[in-house]
PDB file of all heavy atoms in Angstrom:
ATOM      1  N   ARG A   1      -3.322   5.135   2.609  1.00  0.00           N
ATOM      2  CA  ARG A   1      -3.519   4.306   1.465  1.00  0.00           C
ATOM      3  C   ARG A   1      -2.445   4.528   0.454  1.00  0.00           C
ATOM      4  O   ARG A   1      -2.110   5.689   0.088  1.00  0.00           O
ATOM      5  CB  ARG A   1      -4.859   4.593   0.822  1.00  0.00           C
ATOM      6  CG  ARG A   1      -5.971   4.230   1.714  1.00  0.00           C
ATOM      7  CD  ARG A   1      -7.344   4.634   1.109  1.00  0.00           C
ATOM      8  NE  ARG A   1      -8.466   4.268   2.047  1.00  0.00           N
ATOM      9  CZ  ARG A   1      -9.019   3.085   2.037  1.00  0.00           C
ATOM     10  NH1 ARG A   1      -8.653   2.082   1.132  1.00  0.00           N
ATOM     11  NH2 ARG A   1      -9.935   2.729   2.877  1.00  0.00           N
ATOM     12  N   PHE A   2      -1.797   3.389  -0.047  1.00  0.00           N
ATOM     13  CA  PHE A   2      -0.627   3.494  -0.964  1.00  0.00           C
ATOM     14  C   PHE A   2      -0.928   2.591  -2.159  1.00  0.00           C
ATOM     15  O   PHE A   2      -0.986   1.440  -2.003  1.00  0.00           O
ATOM     16  CB  PHE A   2       0.660   3.106  -0.227  1.00  0.00           C
ATOM     17  CG  PHE A   2       0.894   3.979   1.014  1.00  0.00           C
ATOM     18  CD1 PHE A   2       0.381   3.537   2.286  1.00  0.00           C
ATOM     19  CD2 PHE A   2       1.624   5.084   0.899  1.00  0.00           C
ATOM     20  CE1 PHE A   2       0.567   4.270   3.350  1.00  0.00           C
ATOM     21  CE2 PHE A   2       1.843   5.913   2.085  1.00  0.00           C
ATOM     22  CZ  PHE A   2       1.286   5.514   3.279  1.00  0.00           C
ATOM     23  N   VAL A   3      -1.094   3.170  -3.340  1.00  0.00           N
ATOM     24  CA  VAL A   3      -1.297   2.421  -4.580  1.00  0.00           C
ATOM     25  C   VAL A   3      -0.041   1.577  -4.889  1.00  0.00           C
ATOM     26  O   VAL A   3       1.105   2.088  -4.787  1.00  0.00           O
ATOM     27  CB  VAL A   3      -1.642   3.317  -5.720  1.00  0.00           C
ATOM     28  CG1 VAL A   3      -1.731   2.542  -6.980  1.00  0.00           C
ATOM     29  CG2 VAL A   3      -2.891   4.077  -5.416  1.00  0.00           C
ATOM     30  N   ILE A   4      -0.257   0.326  -5.236  1.00  0.00           N
ATOM     31  CA  ILE A   4       0.855  -0.537  -5.615  1.00  0.00           C
ATOM     32  C   ILE A   4       1.012  -0.470  -7.155  1.00  0.00           C
ATOM     33  O   ILE A   4       0.054  -0.871  -7.817  1.00  0.00           O
ATOM     34  CB  ILE A   4       0.540  -2.067  -5.158  1.00  0.00           C
ATOM     35  CG1 ILE A   4       0.286  -2.079  -3.673  1.00  0.00           C
ATOM     36  CG2 ILE A   4       1.701  -2.912  -5.578  1.00  0.00           C
ATOM     37  CD1 ILE A   4      -0.164  -3.499  -3.207  1.00  0.00           C
ATOM     38  N   PRO A   5       2.121   0.031  -7.646  1.00  0.00           N
ATOM     39  CA  PRO A   5       2.295   0.121  -9.080  1.00  0.00           C
ATOM     40  C   PRO A   5       2.178  -1.287  -9.710  1.00  0.00           C
ATOM     41  O   PRO A   5       2.558  -2.346  -9.104  1.00  0.00           O
ATOM     42  CB  PRO A   5       3.689   0.675  -9.265  1.00  0.00           C
ATOM     43  CG  PRO A   5       3.865   1.498  -8.006  1.00  0.00           C
ATOM     44  CD  PRO A   5       3.206   0.707  -6.937  1.00  0.00           C
ATOM     45  N   ALA A   6       1.609  -1.322 -10.883  1.00  0.00           N
ATOM     46  CA  ALA A   6       1.255  -2.555 -11.569  1.00  0.00           C
ATOM     47  C   ALA A   6       2.466  -3.583 -11.585  1.00  0.00           C
ATOM     48  O   ALA A   6       2.316  -4.748 -11.496  1.00  0.00           O
ATOM     49  CB  ALA A   6       0.722  -2.287 -13.004  1.00  0.00           C
ATOM     50  N   GLY A   7       3.645  -3.088 -11.935  1.00  0.00           N
ATOM     51  CA  GLY A   7       4.790  -3.891 -12.045  1.00  0.00           C
ATOM     52  C   GLY A   7       5.373  -4.532 -10.709  1.00  0.00           C
ATOM     53  O   GLY A   7       6.245  -5.310 -10.698  1.00  0.00           O
ATOM     54  N   PHE A   8       4.816  -3.995  -9.614  1.00  0.00           N
ATOM     55  CA  PHE A   8       5.280  -4.437  -8.267  1.00  0.00           C
ATOM     56  C   PHE A   8       4.620  -5.668  -7.752  1.00  0.00           C
ATOM     57  O   PHE A   8       5.082  -6.299  -6.842  1.00  0.00           O
ATOM     58  CB  PHE A   8       5.130  -3.348  -7.221  1.00  0.00           C
ATOM     59  CG  PHE A   8       5.984  -2.118  -7.452  1.00  0.00           C
ATOM     60  CD1 PHE A   8       6.768  -1.903  -8.529  1.00  0.00           C
ATOM     61  CD2 PHE A   8       6.097  -1.181  -6.382  1.00  0.00           C
ATOM     62  CE1 PHE A   8       7.585  -0.737  -8.623  1.00  0.00           C
ATOM     63  CE2 PHE A   8       6.917  -0.060  -6.518  1.00  0.00           C
ATOM     64  CZ  PHE A   8       7.663   0.149  -7.689  1.00  0.00           C
ATOM     65  N   ILE A   9       3.402  -6.000  -8.301  1.00  0.00           N
ATOM     66  CA  ILE A   9       2.583  -7.016  -7.709  1.00  0.00           C
ATOM     67  C   ILE A   9       2.362  -8.143  -8.720  1.00  0.00           C
ATOM     68  O   ILE A   9       2.180  -7.877  -9.930  1.00  0.00           O
ATOM     69  CB  ILE A   9       1.270  -6.411  -7.203  1.00  0.00           C
ATOM     70  CG1 ILE A   9       0.554  -7.422  -6.260  1.00  0.00           C
ATOM     71  CG2 ILE A   9       0.364  -5.977  -8.293  1.00  0.00           C
ATOM     72  CD1 ILE A   9      -0.468  -6.734  -5.439  1.00  0.00           C
ATOM     73  N   ASN A  10       2.348  -9.361  -8.229  1.00  0.00           N
ATOM     74  CA  ASN A  10       2.121 -10.615  -9.085  1.00  0.00           C
ATOM     75  C   ASN A  10       0.660 -10.924  -9.011  1.00  0.00           C
ATOM     76  O   ASN A  10       0.149 -11.305  -7.951  1.00  0.00           O
ATOM     77  CB  ASN A  10       2.940 -11.736  -8.563  1.00  0.00           C
ATOM     78  CG  ASN A  10       2.850 -12.989  -9.412  1.00  0.00           C
ATOM     79  OD1 ASN A  10       2.081 -12.992 -10.379  1.00  0.00           O
ATOM     80  ND2 ASN A  10       3.476 -14.042  -8.970  1.00  0.00           N
ATOM     81  N   LEU A  11      -0.075 -10.645 -10.123  1.00  0.00           N
ATOM     82  CA  LEU A  11      -1.484 -10.819 -10.154  1.00  0.00           C
ATOM     83  C   LEU A  11      -1.916 -12.356 -10.248  1.00  0.00           C
ATOM     84  O   LEU A  11      -3.042 -12.684 -10.104  1.00  0.00           O
ATOM     85  CB  LEU A  11      -2.123 -10.108 -11.397  1.00  0.00           C
ATOM     86  CG  LEU A  11      -1.889  -8.639 -11.369  1.00  0.00           C
ATOM     87  CD1 LEU A  11      -2.453  -7.992 -12.678  1.00  0.00           C
ATOM     88  CD2 LEU A  11      -2.565  -7.891 -10.174  1.00  0.00           C
ATOM     89  N   HIS A  12      -0.856 -13.219 -10.515  1.00  0.00           N
ATOM     90  CA  HIS A  12      -1.143 -14.640 -10.716  1.00  0.00           C
ATOM     91  C   HIS A  12      -0.226 -15.500  -9.921  1.00  0.00           C
ATOM     92  O   HIS A  12       0.344 -16.453 -10.375  1.00  0.00           O
ATOM     93  CB  HIS A  12      -0.988 -14.996 -12.244  1.00  0.00           C
ATOM     94  CG  HIS A  12      -1.731 -14.034 -13.108  1.00  0.00           C
ATOM     95  ND1 HIS A  12      -3.160 -14.167 -13.274  1.00  0.00           N
ATOM     96  CD2 HIS A  12      -1.422 -13.050 -13.854  1.00  0.00           C
ATOM     97  CE1 HIS A  12      -3.548 -13.243 -14.103  1.00  0.00           C
ATOM     98  NE2 HIS A  12      -2.500 -12.555 -14.453  1.00  0.00           N
ATOM     99  N   GLY A  13      -0.122 -15.269  -8.607  1.00  0.00           N
ATOM    100  CA  GLY A  13       0.738 -16.021  -7.777  1.00  0.00           C
ATOM    101  C   GLY A  13       1.127 -15.399  -6.435  1.00  0.00           C
ATOM    102  O   GLY A  13       0.353 -14.521  -5.900  1.00  0.00           O
ATOM    103  N   SER A  14       2.290 -15.762  -5.975  1.00  0.00           N
ATOM    104  CA  SER A  14       2.744 -15.426  -4.592  1.00  0.00           C
ATOM    105  C   SER A  14       3.268 -13.952  -4.542  1.00  0.00           C
ATOM    106  O   SER A  14       3.979 -13.586  -5.516  1.00  0.00           O
ATOM    107  CB  SER A  14       3.767 -16.369  -4.151  1.00  0.00           C
ATOM    108  OG  SER A  14       4.236 -15.972  -2.861  1.00  0.00           O
ATOM    109  N   ASN A  15       2.973 -13.250  -3.520  1.00  0.00           N
ATOM    110  CA  ASN A  15       3.432 -11.891  -3.256  1.00  0.00           C
ATOM    111  C   ASN A  15       3.893 -11.776  -1.772  1.00  0.00           C
ATOM    112  O   ASN A  15       3.461 -12.530  -0.913  1.00  0.00           O
ATOM    113  CB  ASN A  15       2.371 -10.848  -3.472  1.00  0.00           C
ATOM    114  CG  ASN A  15       1.945 -10.776  -4.904  1.00  0.00           C
ATOM    115  OD1 ASN A  15       2.612 -10.065  -5.671  1.00  0.00           O
ATOM    116  ND2 ASN A  15       0.863 -11.441  -5.271  1.00  0.00           N
ATOM    117  N   THR A  16       4.898 -10.930  -1.533  1.00  0.00           N
ATOM    118  CA  THR A  16       5.391 -10.752  -0.179  1.00  0.00           C
ATOM    119  C   THR A  16       5.301  -9.231   0.160  1.00  0.00           C
ATOM    120  O   THR A  16       5.636  -8.338  -0.620  1.00  0.00           O
ATOM    121  CB  THR A  16       6.882 -11.151  -0.117  1.00  0.00           C
ATOM    122  OG1 THR A  16       6.949 -12.532  -0.398  1.00  0.00           O
ATOM    123  CG2 THR A  16       7.416 -10.912   1.304  1.00  0.00           C
ATOM    124  N   ILE A  17       4.735  -8.968   1.285  1.00  0.00           N
ATOM    125  CA  ILE A  17       4.801  -7.607   1.834  1.00  0.00           C
ATOM    126  C   ILE A  17       5.632  -7.572   3.068  1.00  0.00           C
ATOM    127  O   ILE A  17       5.514  -8.470   3.918  1.00  0.00           O
ATOM    128  CB  ILE A  17       3.315  -7.105   2.132  1.00  0.00           C
ATOM    129  CG1 ILE A  17       3.335  -5.645   2.637  1.00  0.00           C
ATOM    130  CG2 ILE A  17       2.624  -7.957   3.179  1.00  0.00           C
ATOM    131  CD1 ILE A  17       1.956  -4.979   2.643  1.00  0.00           C
ATOM    132  N   ALA A  18       6.540  -6.675   3.151  1.00  0.00           N
ATOM    133  CA  ALA A  18       7.433  -6.461   4.271  1.00  0.00           C
ATOM    134  C   ALA A  18       7.267  -5.064   4.757  1.00  0.00           C
ATOM    135  O   ALA A  18       7.170  -4.141   4.014  1.00  0.00           O
ATOM    136  CB  ALA A  18       8.836  -6.701   3.881  1.00  0.00           C
ATOM    137  N   VAL A  19       7.240  -4.884   6.098  1.00  0.00           N
ATOM    138  CA  VAL A  19       7.070  -3.538   6.672  1.00  0.00           C
ATOM    139  C   VAL A  19       8.098  -3.354   7.778  1.00  0.00           C
ATOM    140  O   VAL A  19       8.194  -4.230   8.653  1.00  0.00           O
ATOM    141  CB  VAL A  19       5.647  -3.439   7.224  1.00  0.00           C
ATOM    142  CG1 VAL A  19       5.337  -2.061   7.826  1.00  0.00           C
ATOM    143  CG2 VAL A  19       4.640  -3.793   6.220  1.00  0.00           C
ATOM    144  N   ALA A  20       8.780  -2.246   7.734  1.00  0.00           N
ATOM    145  CA  ALA A  20       9.664  -1.802   8.730  1.00  0.00           C
ATOM    146  C   ALA A  20       8.976  -0.803   9.609  1.00  0.00           C
ATOM    147  O   ALA A  20       8.652   0.321   9.095  1.00  0.00           O
ATOM    148  CB  ALA A  20      10.980  -1.289   8.199  1.00  0.00           C
ATOM    149  N   VAL A  21       8.657  -1.077  10.864  1.00  0.00           N
ATOM    150  CA  VAL A  21       7.951  -0.134  11.684  1.00  0.00           C
ATOM    151  C   VAL A  21       8.892   0.477  12.676  1.00  0.00           C
ATOM    152  O   VAL A  21       9.620  -0.252  13.426  1.00  0.00           O
ATOM    153  CB  VAL A  21       6.824  -0.815  12.541  1.00  0.00           C
ATOM    154  CG1 VAL A  21       6.159   0.163  13.450  1.00  0.00           C
ATOM    155  CG2 VAL A  21       5.778  -1.342  11.573  1.00  0.00           C
ATOM    156  N   ALA A  22       9.076   1.823  12.624  1.00  0.00           N
ATOM    157  CA  ALA A  22       9.932   2.561  13.604  1.00  0.00           C
ATOM    158  C   ALA A  22       8.986   3.139  14.588  1.00  0.00           C
ATOM    159  O   ALA A  22       8.238   4.149  14.263  1.00  0.00           O
ATOM    160  CB  ALA A  22      10.717   3.601  12.907  1.00  0.00           C
ATOM    161  N   ALA A  23       8.973   2.632  15.815  1.00  0.00           N
ATOM    162  CA  ALA A  23       8.103   3.130  16.875  1.00  0.00           C
ATOM    163  C   ALA A  23       8.863   4.083  17.783  1.00  0.00           C
ATOM    164  O   ALA A  23       9.925   3.866  18.204  1.00  0.00           O
ATOM    165  CB  ALA A  23       7.564   1.938  17.698  1.00  0.00           C
ATOM    166  N   LYS A  24       8.171   5.266  18.062  1.00  0.00           N
ATOM    167  CA  LYS A  24       8.817   6.351  18.850  1.00  0.00           C
ATOM    168  C   LYS A  24       8.585   6.171  20.327  1.00  0.00           C
ATOM    169  O   LYS A  24       9.203   6.703  21.166  1.00  0.00           O
ATOM    170  CB  LYS A  24       8.291   7.680  18.417  1.00  0.00           C
ATOM    171  CG  LYS A  24       8.716   7.996  17.006  1.00  0.00           C
ATOM    172  CD  LYS A  24       8.081   9.333  16.507  1.00  0.00           C
ATOM    173  CE  LYS A  24       8.244   9.503  15.091  1.00  0.00           C
ATOM    174  NZ  LYS A  24       7.604  10.761  14.580  1.00  0.00           N
TER     175      LYS A  24
END
């Protein structure tokens, strides 16, 4: 679980989450 700091997220519109997965 990773808290999203308040300034990182748009509470009133569009948001994007991007994830780089390094699989071993």
